[in-house]
Amino acid sequence: MQTTAAALTMVRDDAFFLKAWVRYYGDILGRENCYVVNHGRGQMVHDLAEGCSVIGIPGDPHPNFDMKRWRLLNNWVQGLRAYYDHVIVGDVDELVVIDPAAGKTLLEFLKGAPKRQVMTPVGLEIVHRIDIEHEPITDHIIGPRRYVRAAPHYSKPCIVSHGAKLARGGHFSEFDKLMTSDALYLMHLKYCDFDTYVDVMNRRNQVTEDVGVPVEKAAIGRHWFAEARGEDRAVFEAFAELPLQNGFDMTWLRKRMHQSWQQRGDGPFWQFERPEYRAQFQLPERFVGVI
């Protein structure tokens, strides 16, 4: 039984992303080392996560949803650290991917990684170019989808082998050193498929409507609220307008992360600058089928 790494997420209803999460981490780490918090104890989550360690919790709407969620995830991470060298934690639409050019699996990479640290993969958002990508996603995502945009907002400190706490949303850590690797990426899947995006946003808007409080009074991501949504097709059409860069080299992005590394205000967390870059890249052929 491997004790190098576990993966942890919390999910409610997101079948598309949960299938990808379970398939990906289950194949690499073993499903028994995948921990799924089933928010609302839904049967669909229970069924799709068969073979994983499923933790059922109540699912009543709450204005402090994100705060409660990350308090639970932080505590679970630290508990699992007593049994694993590393714990990968994040949303169900986020997957830590190792560049196939590294010549090893994610598990093999983590077996050789130092402990007592927090690692931050570079964030990349897989985007659905609806103008040219007409093939539906039937199993693997990379293949039908080949374009990504640089996403510092999703360069998250998500591989934990230290007692450092993560901030709500998982964007910041108390660990005061920025640990990156040329081989690691955090692939954010929110925009990987237009139809899935519409379905997910409809359900998230309903959650915030059920909570019944305005965005400024809720500890829930602003992007869950209908007023922040915008027009769906226009969001995806805009991806075609991002300048396409030559090659695939994120050295510049890691360098900027390190150059801007600093304490976040007077609090315990650390951060780097997270500007929006108007750039897209085509993933090399070696990534096809990884997710």
Protein backbone atom coordinates (compact mmCIF):
# COMPACT_ATOMS: atom_id res chain seq x y z
CA MET A 1 0.00 0.00 0.00
CA GLN A 2 1.47 3.35 -1.02
CA THR A 3 1.68 6.08 1.62
CA THR A 4 3.49 8.68 -0.48
CA ALA A 5 0.48 10.77 -1.51
CA ALA A 6 -3.24 11.18 -1.05
CA ALA A 7 -5.69 13.44 -2.91
CA LEU A 8 -8.55 15.26 -1.21
CA THR A 9 -11.51 17.21 -2.59
CA MET A 10 -15.06 18.23 -1.70
CA VAL A 11 -17.88 17.97 -4.21
CA ARG A 12 -21.61 18.25 -4.66
CA ASP A 13 -23.30 17.19 -7.91
CA ASP A 14 -20.39 17.98 -10.28
CA ALA A 15 -20.46 14.65 -12.14
CA PHE A 16 -18.33 15.75 -15.12
CA PHE A 17 -15.45 16.98 -12.97
CA LEU A 18 -15.72 14.20 -10.39
CA LYS A 19 -15.41 11.56 -13.12
CA ALA A 20 -12.22 13.22 -14.34
CA TRP A 21 -10.87 13.67 -10.78
CA VAL A 22 -11.51 10.06 -9.76
CA ARG A 23 -10.16 8.62 -13.00
CA TYR A 24 -7.02 10.76 -12.89
CA TYR A 25 -6.01 10.49 -9.23
CA GLY A 26 -7.44 6.99 -8.88
CA ASP A 27 -5.19 5.69 -11.67
CA ILE A 28 -2.08 7.40 -10.26
CA LEU A 29 -2.52 7.10 -6.50
CA GLY A 30 -5.01 4.27 -6.16
CA ARG A 31 -8.66 4.98 -5.40
CA GLU A 32 -8.19 3.97 -1.77
CA ASN A 33 -5.89 6.99 -1.42
CA CYS A 34 -8.46 9.41 -2.87
CA TYR A 35 -10.65 11.18 -0.29
CA VAL A 36 -13.94 12.69 -1.48
CA VAL A 37 -16.02 14.81 0.87
CA ASN A 38 -19.59 14.23 -0.31
CA HIS A 39 -21.33 17.53 0.49
CA GLY A 40 -24.99 16.63 0.88
CA ARG A 41 -24.38 12.85 0.77
CA GLY A 42 -25.54 12.65 -2.84
CA GLN A 43 -25.97 9.20 -4.35
CA MET A 44 -24.31 10.27 -7.60
CA VAL A 45 -21.12 11.28 -5.79
CA HIS A 46 -21.19 8.06 -3.79
CA ASP A 47 -21.52 5.98 -6.96
CA LEU A 48 -18.92 7.81 -9.07
CA ALA A 49 -16.40 7.74 -6.22
CA GLU A 50 -16.76 3.99 -5.67
CA GLY A 51 -13.50 2.62 -4.29
CA CYS A 52 -12.46 6.02 -2.91
CA SER A 53 -12.71 7.01 0.74
CA VAL A 54 -16.01 8.92 0.73
CA ILE A 55 -16.89 11.19 3.66
CA GLY A 56 -20.54 12.23 3.76
CA ILE A 57 -21.49 15.55 5.35
CA PRO A 58 -24.73 17.59 5.53
CA GLY A 59 -25.44 19.83 2.57
CA ASP A 60 -27.71 22.61 3.84
CA PRO A 61 -27.11 26.01 2.15
CA HIS A 62 -24.99 28.35 4.29
CA PRO A 63 -23.70 31.90 3.63
CA ASN A 64 -20.28 30.94 5.03
CA PHE A 65 -19.98 27.90 2.78
CA ASP A 66 -16.39 28.52 1.63
CA MET A 67 -15.18 29.32 5.13
CA LYS A 68 -16.65 26.12 6.53
CA ARG A 69 -15.39 24.09 3.58
CA TRP A 70 -11.77 25.19 3.93
CA ARG A 71 -11.81 24.78 7.70
CA LEU A 72 -12.81 21.16 7.12
CA LEU A 73 -10.31 20.61 4.28
CA ASN A 74 -7.45 22.12 6.29
CA ASN A 75 -8.17 19.82 9.20
CA TRP A 76 -8.42 16.80 6.93
CA VAL A 77 -5.12 17.67 5.24
CA GLN A 78 -3.33 17.81 8.57
CA GLY A 79 -4.94 14.58 9.71
CA LEU A 80 -3.95 12.77 6.52
CA ARG A 81 -0.39 14.04 6.86
CA ALA A 82 0.00 11.66 9.78
CA TYR A 83 -0.36 8.80 7.27
CA TYR A 84 0.95 10.21 3.97
CA ASP A 85 4.08 12.13 2.99
CA HIS A 86 2.11 14.54 0.77
CA VAL A 87 -1.55 15.52 0.48
CA ILE A 88 -2.90 17.09 -2.72
CA VAL A 89 -5.94 19.23 -1.91
CA GLY A 90 -8.16 21.37 -4.09
CA ASP A 91 -11.45 21.82 -5.89
CA VAL A 92 -12.81 18.95 -7.95
CA ASP A 93 -12.14 20.89 -11.18
CA GLU A 94 -8.41 21.22 -10.43
CA LEU A 95 -5.83 18.52 -11.23
CA VAL A 96 -2.09 18.54 -10.52
CA VAL A 97 -0.37 17.33 -13.69
CA ILE A 98 3.27 16.47 -14.27
CA ASP A 99 4.77 17.27 -17.66
CA PRO A 100 5.20 13.94 -19.50
CA ALA A 101 8.62 15.22 -20.56
CA ALA A 102 9.76 14.63 -16.96
CA GLY A 103 9.67 10.90 -17.70
CA LYS A 104 7.91 9.92 -14.48
CA THR A 105 4.44 9.78 -12.99
CA LEU A 106 3.19 12.25 -10.42
CA LEU A 107 3.49 9.59 -7.74
CA GLU A 108 7.10 8.84 -8.73
CA PHE A 109 7.85 12.57 -8.63
CA LEU A 110 6.40 12.92 -5.14
CA LYS A 111 8.33 9.89 -3.87
CA GLY A 112 11.51 11.83 -4.58
CA ALA A 113 10.23 15.24 -3.41
CA PRO A 114 11.41 16.75 -0.10
CA LYS A 115 8.94 16.67 2.77
CA ARG A 116 7.88 19.40 5.21
CA GLN A 117 7.08 21.90 2.49
CA VAL A 118 4.18 23.21 0.43
CA MET A 119 4.51 23.00 -3.35
CA THR A 120 2.83 25.37 -5.80
CA PRO A 121 2.32 24.15 -9.39
CA VAL A 122 1.90 26.77 -12.12
CA GLY A 123 -1.79 27.31 -12.87
CA LEU A 124 -3.08 26.73 -16.40
CA GLU A 125 -6.71 27.01 -17.42
CA ILE A 126 -7.85 24.63 -20.14
CA VAL A 127 -10.18 26.64 -22.38
CA HIS A 128 -12.69 25.41 -24.93
CA ARG A 129 -12.04 27.15 -28.22
CA ILE A 130 -15.62 26.82 -29.44
CA ASP A 131 -14.63 28.38 -32.76
CA ILE A 132 -12.35 25.47 -33.72
CA GLU A 133 -12.81 22.65 -31.17
CA HIS A 134 -16.05 20.89 -32.11
CA GLU A 135 -15.26 17.40 -30.82
CA PRO A 136 -17.15 16.50 -27.63
CA ILE A 137 -15.33 15.23 -24.54
CA THR A 138 -16.19 11.57 -24.12
CA ASP A 139 -13.40 10.44 -21.80
CA HIS A 140 -10.08 12.28 -21.78
CA ILE A 141 -10.16 16.08 -21.81
CA ILE A 142 -6.76 16.90 -23.31
CA GLY A 143 -7.09 15.86 -26.92
CA PRO A 144 -10.48 17.34 -27.74
CA ARG A 145 -9.16 20.40 -25.85
CA ARG A 146 -5.60 21.58 -26.52
CA TYR A 147 -5.53 25.26 -25.52
CA VAL A 148 -4.64 26.77 -22.16
CA ARG A 149 -4.22 30.25 -20.76
CA ALA A 150 -1.80 31.22 -18.01
CA ALA A 151 -3.73 31.49 -14.75
CA PRO A 152 -1.72 32.77 -11.76
CA HIS A 153 -4.95 32.82 -9.73
CA TYR A 154 -4.86 29.02 -9.95
CA SER A 155 -1.19 28.63 -9.12
CA LYS A 156 -2.20 27.25 -5.74
CA PRO A 157 -0.10 25.89 -2.83
CA CYS A 158 -1.91 22.57 -3.09
CA ILE A 159 0.68 19.84 -2.39
CA VAL A 160 1.08 19.86 1.37
CA SER A 161 3.62 18.05 3.53
CA HIS A 162 3.88 20.74 6.21
CA GLY A 163 1.67 21.97 9.04
CA ALA A 164 0.97 25.26 7.24
CA LYS A 165 -2.68 26.27 6.97
CA LEU A 166 -4.22 27.19 3.61
CA ALA A 167 -6.41 30.27 3.16
CA ARG A 168 -10.05 30.05 2.12
CA GLY A 169 -10.13 28.99 -1.53
CA GLY A 170 -6.70 27.40 -1.21
CA HIS A 171 -5.00 30.37 -2.89
CA PHE A 172 -2.52 31.23 -0.13
CA SER A 173 -0.49 29.34 2.48
CA GLU A 174 1.21 30.12 5.77
CA PHE A 175 4.37 28.47 4.40
CA ASP A 176 6.87 31.28 3.84
CA LYS A 177 8.87 29.73 0.99
CA LEU A 178 7.64 29.45 -2.58
CA MET A 179 8.36 25.91 -3.79
CA THR A 180 7.79 25.35 -7.50
CA SER A 181 8.89 22.77 -10.05
CA ASP A 182 9.46 23.05 -13.79
CA ALA A 183 7.48 19.84 -14.21
CA LEU A 184 4.27 20.64 -12.28
CA TYR A 185 1.06 22.33 -13.45
CA LEU A 186 -2.34 22.81 -11.86
CA MET A 187 -4.88 22.35 -14.64
CA HIS A 188 -8.13 24.23 -13.98
CA LEU A 189 -11.02 22.65 -15.89
CA LYS A 190 -13.85 25.16 -15.35
CA TYR A 191 -13.77 26.38 -18.97
CA CYS A 192 -12.82 23.12 -20.69
CA ASP A 193 -16.31 22.51 -22.10
CA PHE A 194 -19.01 25.05 -22.92
CA ASP A 195 -22.06 22.87 -22.21
CA THR A 196 -20.60 21.68 -18.92
CA TYR A 197 -19.83 25.26 -17.91
CA VAL A 198 -23.43 26.34 -18.48
CA ASP A 199 -24.76 23.43 -16.44
CA VAL A 200 -22.34 23.99 -13.55
CA MET A 201 -23.00 27.73 -13.42
CA ASN A 202 -26.76 27.17 -13.40
CA ARG A 203 -26.41 24.92 -10.37
CA ARG A 204 -23.99 27.27 -8.55
CA ASN A 205 -26.29 30.23 -9.14
CA GLN A 206 -29.09 28.17 -7.60
CA VAL A 207 -26.94 27.46 -4.52
CA THR A 208 -26.39 31.17 -3.89
CA GLU A 209 -30.06 31.88 -4.49
CA ASP A 210 -30.95 29.23 -1.89
CA VAL A 211 -28.56 30.84 0.61
CA GLY A 212 -30.59 34.03 0.29
CA VAL A 213 -27.97 36.66 1.12
CA PRO A 214 -26.15 39.14 -1.17
CA VAL A 215 -22.58 38.50 -2.28
CA GLU A 216 -21.09 41.02 0.17
CA LYS A 217 -22.57 39.10 3.11
CA ALA A 218 -21.52 35.61 2.03
CA ALA A 219 -18.28 33.68 2.41
CA ILE A 220 -18.85 32.13 -1.00
CA GLY A 221 -16.82 32.79 -4.14
CA ARG A 222 -18.17 35.84 -6.00
CA HIS A 223 -18.13 33.83 -9.24
CA TRP A 224 -20.95 31.63 -7.85
CA PHE A 225 -23.42 34.54 -7.99
CA ALA A 226 -25.59 35.20 -11.05
CA GLU A 227 -24.71 38.92 -11.19
CA ALA A 228 -21.01 38.08 -11.72
CA ARG A 229 -21.67 35.52 -14.46
CA GLY A 230 -21.88 37.54 -17.66
CA GLU A 231 -23.04 36.09 -20.98
CA ASP A 232 -21.82 32.50 -21.31
CA ARG A 233 -21.14 32.32 -25.05
CA ALA A 234 -19.35 35.68 -25.02
CA VAL A 235 -17.03 34.37 -22.30
CA PHE A 236 -15.98 31.46 -24.52
CA GLU A 237 -15.83 33.44 -27.76
CA ALA A 238 -13.31 35.75 -26.07
CA PHE A 239 -10.80 32.91 -25.74
CA ALA A 240 -10.14 33.12 -29.50
CA GLU A 241 -9.01 36.73 -29.04
CA LEU A 242 -6.17 35.84 -26.67
CA PRO A 243 -2.82 36.10 -28.50
CA LEU A 244 -1.47 32.62 -29.28
CA GLN A 245 2.13 32.27 -28.10
CA ASN A 246 4.84 30.25 -29.79
CA GLY A 247 5.99 27.15 -27.95
CA PHE A 248 5.16 26.00 -24.44
CA ASP A 249 7.55 27.30 -21.80
CA MET A 250 6.30 28.63 -18.43
CA THR A 251 9.73 29.58 -17.08
CA TRP A 252 8.81 33.27 -17.32
CA LEU A 253 5.68 32.73 -15.23
CA ARG A 254 7.49 30.87 -12.44
CA LYS A 255 10.14 33.60 -12.45
CA ARG A 256 7.51 36.31 -11.97
CA MET A 257 5.91 34.33 -9.15
CA HIS A 258 9.24 34.18 -7.32
CA GLN A 259 10.09 37.83 -8.01
CA SER A 260 6.85 39.07 -6.44
CA TRP A 261 6.82 36.65 -3.47
CA GLN A 262 5.92 38.47 -0.26
CA GLN A 263 3.87 38.34 2.92
CA ARG A 264 0.17 39.01 2.37
CA GLY A 265 -0.45 42.17 4.38
CA ASP A 266 0.08 41.75 8.11
CA GLY A 267 -1.46 38.29 8.21
CA PRO A 268 0.12 34.84 8.31
CA PHE A 269 -0.23 34.07 4.60
CA TRP A 270 2.23 34.53 1.71
CA GLN A 271 1.52 35.40 -1.89
CA PHE A 272 2.82 36.40 -5.32
CA GLU A 273 1.25 38.84 -7.77
CA ARG A 274 -1.61 37.38 -9.80
CA PRO A 275 -2.19 39.58 -12.86
CA GLU A 276 -4.33 38.44 -15.76
CA TYR A 277 -2.14 37.61 -18.76
CA ARG A 278 -3.68 37.96 -22.21
CA ALA A 279 -2.00 34.92 -23.68
CA GLN A 280 -2.89 31.39 -24.71
CA PHE A 281 -0.77 28.37 -25.52
CA GLN A 282 -1.35 25.11 -27.35
CA LEU A 283 -0.46 22.11 -25.25
CA PRO A 284 2.18 19.92 -26.91
CA GLU A 285 1.19 16.51 -28.24
CA ARG A 286 2.81 14.79 -25.25
CA PHE A 287 -0.03 16.04 -23.00
CA VAL A 288 -2.80 14.37 -25.02
CA GLY A 289 -4.63 11.83 -22.87
CA VAL A 290 -2.95 12.86 -19.61
CA ILE A 291 -6.29 14.09 -18.24
